Amino acid sequence: MFFAVKNPYRVAVSFDGNKVHVKPVGAGTREGLIYRTLARCEEFLAQVFLQERRPKDVFGGLTSFFRQRGWDIVPDN
């Protein structure tokens, strides 16, 4: 798992072996809908990326994918 940050948004990205999961982090009640929508869109695009590219290193591929989309990557500590 790692975190992707595009100020002010922060999402947690994980992969369970079959599917990418992108969850919003730190969304208040006011921004909740925007955060959830953004996370769902990024999750869908990341899943399509994995299905089409099939990288040998899934997490390396996912971090590159998010970086190319303008996200900063923060490792899970």
N, C-alpha and C. Protein backbone atom coordinates (compact mmCIF):
# COMPACT_ATOMS: atom_id res chain seq x y z
N MET A 1 0.83 -1.18 0.00
CA MET A 1 0.00 0.00 0.00
C MET A 1 0.88 1.24 0.00
N PHE A 2 0.37 2.29 -0.65
CA PHE A 2 1.04 3.58 -0.62
C PHE A 2 -0.04 4.67 -0.67
N PHE A 3 0.37 5.88 -0.39
CA PHE A 3 -0.53 7.01 -0.47
C PHE A 3 -0.16 7.85 -1.68
N ALA A 4 -1.18 8.35 -2.37
CA ALA A 4 -0.97 9.27 -3.47
C ALA A 4 -1.58 10.61 -3.06
N VAL A 5 -0.82 11.68 -3.28
CA VAL A 5 -1.24 13.00 -2.82
C VAL A 5 -1.22 13.97 -4.00
N LYS A 6 -2.32 14.66 -4.16
CA LYS A 6 -2.43 15.76 -5.11
C LYS A 6 -3.18 16.84 -4.34
N ASN A 7 -2.42 17.76 -3.78
CA ASN A 7 -2.95 18.73 -2.83
C ASN A 7 -4.25 19.33 -3.31
N PRO A 8 -5.31 19.29 -2.53
CA PRO A 8 -5.45 18.88 -1.14
C PRO A 8 -5.91 17.43 -0.97
N TYR A 9 -5.92 16.66 -2.05
CA TYR A 9 -6.45 15.29 -1.99
C TYR A 9 -5.38 14.28 -1.61
N ARG A 10 -5.81 13.27 -0.86
CA ARG A 10 -4.92 12.19 -0.45
C ARG A 10 -5.72 10.89 -0.51
N VAL A 11 -5.16 9.89 -1.21
CA VAL A 11 -5.84 8.60 -1.33
C VAL A 11 -4.87 7.48 -0.95
N ALA A 12 -5.42 6.41 -0.41
CA ALA A 12 -4.65 5.21 -0.10
C ALA A 12 -4.86 4.23 -1.25
N VAL A 13 -3.76 3.73 -1.80
CA VAL A 13 -3.82 2.81 -2.93
C VAL A 13 -3.30 1.45 -2.48
N SER A 14 -4.08 0.41 -2.73
CA SER A 14 -3.65 -0.95 -2.39
C SER A 14 -4.07 -1.89 -3.51
N PHE A 15 -3.47 -3.08 -3.49
CA PHE A 15 -3.76 -4.10 -4.50
C PHE A 15 -3.88 -5.43 -3.78
N ASP A 16 -4.98 -6.14 -3.98
CA ASP A 16 -5.21 -7.39 -3.26
C ASP A 16 -4.83 -8.64 -4.06
N GLY A 17 -4.14 -8.45 -5.18
CA GLY A 17 -3.77 -9.57 -6.03
C GLY A 17 -4.65 -9.67 -7.25
N ASN A 18 -5.85 -9.09 -7.18
CA ASN A 18 -6.78 -9.09 -8.30
C ASN A 18 -7.27 -7.70 -8.66
N LYS A 19 -7.45 -6.87 -7.66
CA LYS A 19 -8.10 -5.59 -7.86
C LYS A 19 -7.38 -4.47 -7.14
N VAL A 20 -7.37 -3.31 -7.78
CA VAL A 20 -6.82 -2.09 -7.18
C VAL A 20 -7.90 -1.47 -6.31
N HIS A 21 -7.49 -0.99 -5.14
CA HIS A 21 -8.42 -0.30 -4.24
C HIS A 21 -7.84 1.09 -3.97
N VAL A 22 -8.66 2.11 -4.20
CA VAL A 22 -8.26 3.49 -3.93
C VAL A 22 -9.30 4.07 -2.99
N LYS A 23 -8.86 4.47 -1.81
CA LYS A 23 -9.76 4.98 -0.78
C LYS A 23 -9.35 6.40 -0.40
N PRO A 24 -10.31 7.30 -0.28
CA PRO A 24 -9.99 8.66 0.14
C PRO A 24 -9.53 8.69 1.59
N VAL A 25 -8.60 9.59 1.88
CA VAL A 25 -8.07 9.74 3.24
C VAL A 25 -8.26 11.18 3.68
N GLY A 26 -8.82 11.36 4.86
CA GLY A 26 -8.92 12.69 5.46
C GLY A 26 -10.02 13.57 4.89
N ALA A 27 -11.03 12.98 4.29
CA ALA A 27 -12.12 13.79 3.74
C ALA A 27 -13.10 14.15 4.83
N GLY A 28 -13.41 15.40 4.91
CA GLY A 28 -14.44 15.84 5.84
C GLY A 28 -15.81 15.60 5.24
N THR A 29 -16.84 15.89 5.98
CA THR A 29 -18.20 15.65 5.49
C THR A 29 -18.53 16.53 4.28
N ARG A 30 -17.97 17.72 4.27
CA ARG A 30 -18.25 18.63 3.16
C ARG A 30 -17.61 18.18 1.85
N GLU A 31 -16.38 17.67 1.92
CA GLU A 31 -15.67 17.25 0.72
C GLU A 31 -15.86 15.77 0.40
N GLY A 32 -16.59 15.06 1.21
CA GLY A 32 -16.70 13.61 1.08
C GLY A 32 -17.08 13.12 -0.30
N LEU A 33 -18.09 13.72 -0.91
CA LEU A 33 -18.54 13.28 -2.23
C LEU A 33 -17.46 13.47 -3.28
N ILE A 34 -16.78 14.59 -3.24
CA ILE A 34 -15.71 14.86 -4.20
C ILE A 34 -14.58 13.86 -4.01
N TYR A 35 -14.16 13.64 -2.77
CA TYR A 35 -13.08 12.69 -2.49
C TYR A 35 -13.45 11.28 -2.96
N ARG A 36 -14.66 10.85 -2.65
CA ARG A 36 -15.08 9.49 -3.04
C ARG A 36 -15.16 9.34 -4.55
N THR A 37 -15.67 10.36 -5.23
CA THR A 37 -15.76 10.32 -6.69
C THR A 37 -14.38 10.28 -7.32
N LEU A 38 -13.49 11.11 -6.83
CA LEU A 38 -12.12 11.12 -7.33
C LEU A 38 -11.45 9.76 -7.12
N ALA A 39 -11.62 9.19 -5.94
CA ALA A 39 -11.02 7.89 -5.63
C ALA A 39 -11.58 6.80 -6.54
N ARG A 40 -12.88 6.81 -6.78
CA ARG A 40 -13.49 5.78 -7.65
C ARG A 40 -12.98 5.90 -9.08
N CYS A 41 -12.84 7.13 -9.58
CA CYS A 41 -12.32 7.33 -10.94
C CYS A 41 -10.87 6.85 -11.05
N GLU A 42 -10.04 7.21 -10.07
CA GLU A 42 -8.65 6.79 -10.10
C GLU A 42 -8.54 5.27 -9.96
N GLU A 43 -9.39 4.68 -9.14
CA GLU A 43 -9.40 3.23 -8.97
C GLU A 43 -9.72 2.54 -10.30
N PHE A 44 -10.73 3.02 -10.99
CA PHE A 44 -11.11 2.44 -12.28
C PHE A 44 -9.97 2.56 -13.30
N LEU A 45 -9.38 3.75 -13.41
CA LEU A 45 -8.30 3.96 -14.36
C LEU A 45 -7.08 3.12 -14.03
N ALA A 46 -6.76 2.97 -12.75
CA ALA A 46 -5.62 2.14 -12.35
C ALA A 46 -5.88 0.67 -12.67
N GLN A 47 -7.11 0.23 -12.47
CA GLN A 47 -7.46 -1.16 -12.79
C GLN A 47 -7.34 -1.42 -14.29
N VAL A 48 -7.79 -0.49 -15.10
CA VAL A 48 -7.67 -0.63 -16.56
C VAL A 48 -6.19 -0.65 -16.95
N PHE A 49 -5.40 0.22 -16.33
CA PHE A 49 -3.96 0.24 -16.59
C PHE A 49 -3.35 -1.14 -16.34
N LEU A 50 -3.66 -1.74 -15.20
CA LEU A 50 -3.10 -3.06 -14.88
C LEU A 50 -3.57 -4.14 -15.85
N GLN A 51 -4.81 -4.09 -16.25
CA GLN A 51 -5.33 -5.09 -17.18
C GLN A 51 -4.69 -4.97 -18.55
N GLU A 52 -4.43 -3.74 -18.99
CA GLU A 52 -3.86 -3.54 -20.32
C GLU A 52 -2.35 -3.73 -20.35
N ARG A 53 -1.64 -3.23 -19.35
CA ARG A 53 -0.18 -3.26 -19.35
C ARG A 53 0.41 -4.50 -18.70
N ARG A 54 -0.28 -5.06 -17.72
CA ARG A 54 0.18 -6.23 -16.98
C ARG A 54 1.67 -6.13 -16.56
N PRO A 55 1.99 -5.11 -15.76
CA PRO A 55 3.40 -4.96 -15.34
C PRO A 55 3.83 -6.11 -14.44
N LYS A 56 5.10 -6.50 -14.56
CA LYS A 56 5.63 -7.57 -13.70
C LYS A 56 5.66 -7.13 -12.25
N ASP A 57 6.05 -5.89 -12.01
CA ASP A 57 6.05 -5.31 -10.67
C ASP A 57 4.80 -4.44 -10.53
N VAL A 58 3.77 -4.97 -9.91
CA VAL A 58 2.47 -4.28 -9.84
C VAL A 58 2.60 -2.95 -9.11
N PHE A 59 3.25 -2.93 -7.95
CA PHE A 59 3.34 -1.69 -7.20
C PHE A 59 4.22 -0.67 -7.91
N GLY A 60 5.28 -1.12 -8.56
CA GLY A 60 6.09 -0.21 -9.36
C GLY A 60 5.28 0.39 -10.50
N GLY A 61 4.50 -0.45 -11.15
CA GLY A 61 3.63 0.02 -12.23
C GLY A 61 2.58 1.00 -11.74
N LEU A 62 1.99 0.69 -10.59
CA LEU A 62 0.97 1.58 -10.04
C LEU A 62 1.56 2.93 -9.62
N THR A 63 2.72 2.91 -8.99
CA THR A 63 3.33 4.19 -8.59
C THR A 63 3.67 5.02 -9.82
N SER A 64 4.20 4.39 -10.87
CA SER A 64 4.48 5.12 -12.11
C SER A 64 3.21 5.68 -12.72
N PHE A 65 2.16 4.88 -12.72
CA PHE A 65 0.88 5.31 -13.26
C PHE A 65 0.37 6.55 -12.52
N PHE A 66 0.39 6.52 -11.20
CA PHE A 66 -0.10 7.67 -10.43
C PHE A 66 0.80 8.89 -10.61
N ARG A 67 2.11 8.68 -10.69
CA ARG A 67 3.02 9.81 -10.92
C ARG A 67 2.75 10.47 -12.27
N GLN A 68 2.51 9.65 -13.29
CA GLN A 68 2.22 10.19 -14.62
C GLN A 68 0.92 10.99 -14.63
N ARG A 69 0.04 10.69 -13.71
CA ARG A 69 -1.23 11.41 -13.60
C ARG A 69 -1.13 12.61 -12.66
N GLY A 70 0.08 12.95 -12.21
CA GLY A 70 0.29 14.15 -11.42
C GLY A 70 0.23 13.99 -9.92
N TRP A 71 0.20 12.74 -9.44
CA TRP A 71 0.15 12.48 -8.00
C TRP A 71 1.57 12.34 -7.45
N ASP A 72 1.78 12.80 -6.24
CA ASP A 72 3.01 12.52 -5.50
C ASP A 72 2.79 11.25 -4.71
N ILE A 73 3.81 10.40 -4.64
CA ILE A 73 3.70 9.11 -3.96
C ILE A 73 4.37 9.20 -2.60
N VAL A 74 3.64 8.75 -1.58
CA VAL A 74 4.15 8.71 -0.21
C VAL A 74 4.03 7.27 0.27
N PRO A 75 5.14 6.63 0.65
CA PRO A 75 5.04 5.24 1.10
C PRO A 75 4.25 5.12 2.40
N ASP A 76 3.66 3.96 2.59
CA ASP A 76 2.94 3.66 3.83
C ASP A 76 3.97 3.32 4.90
N ASN A 77 3.96 4.09 5.98
CA ASN A 77 4.96 3.85 7.06
C ASN A 77 4.41 2.97 8.11
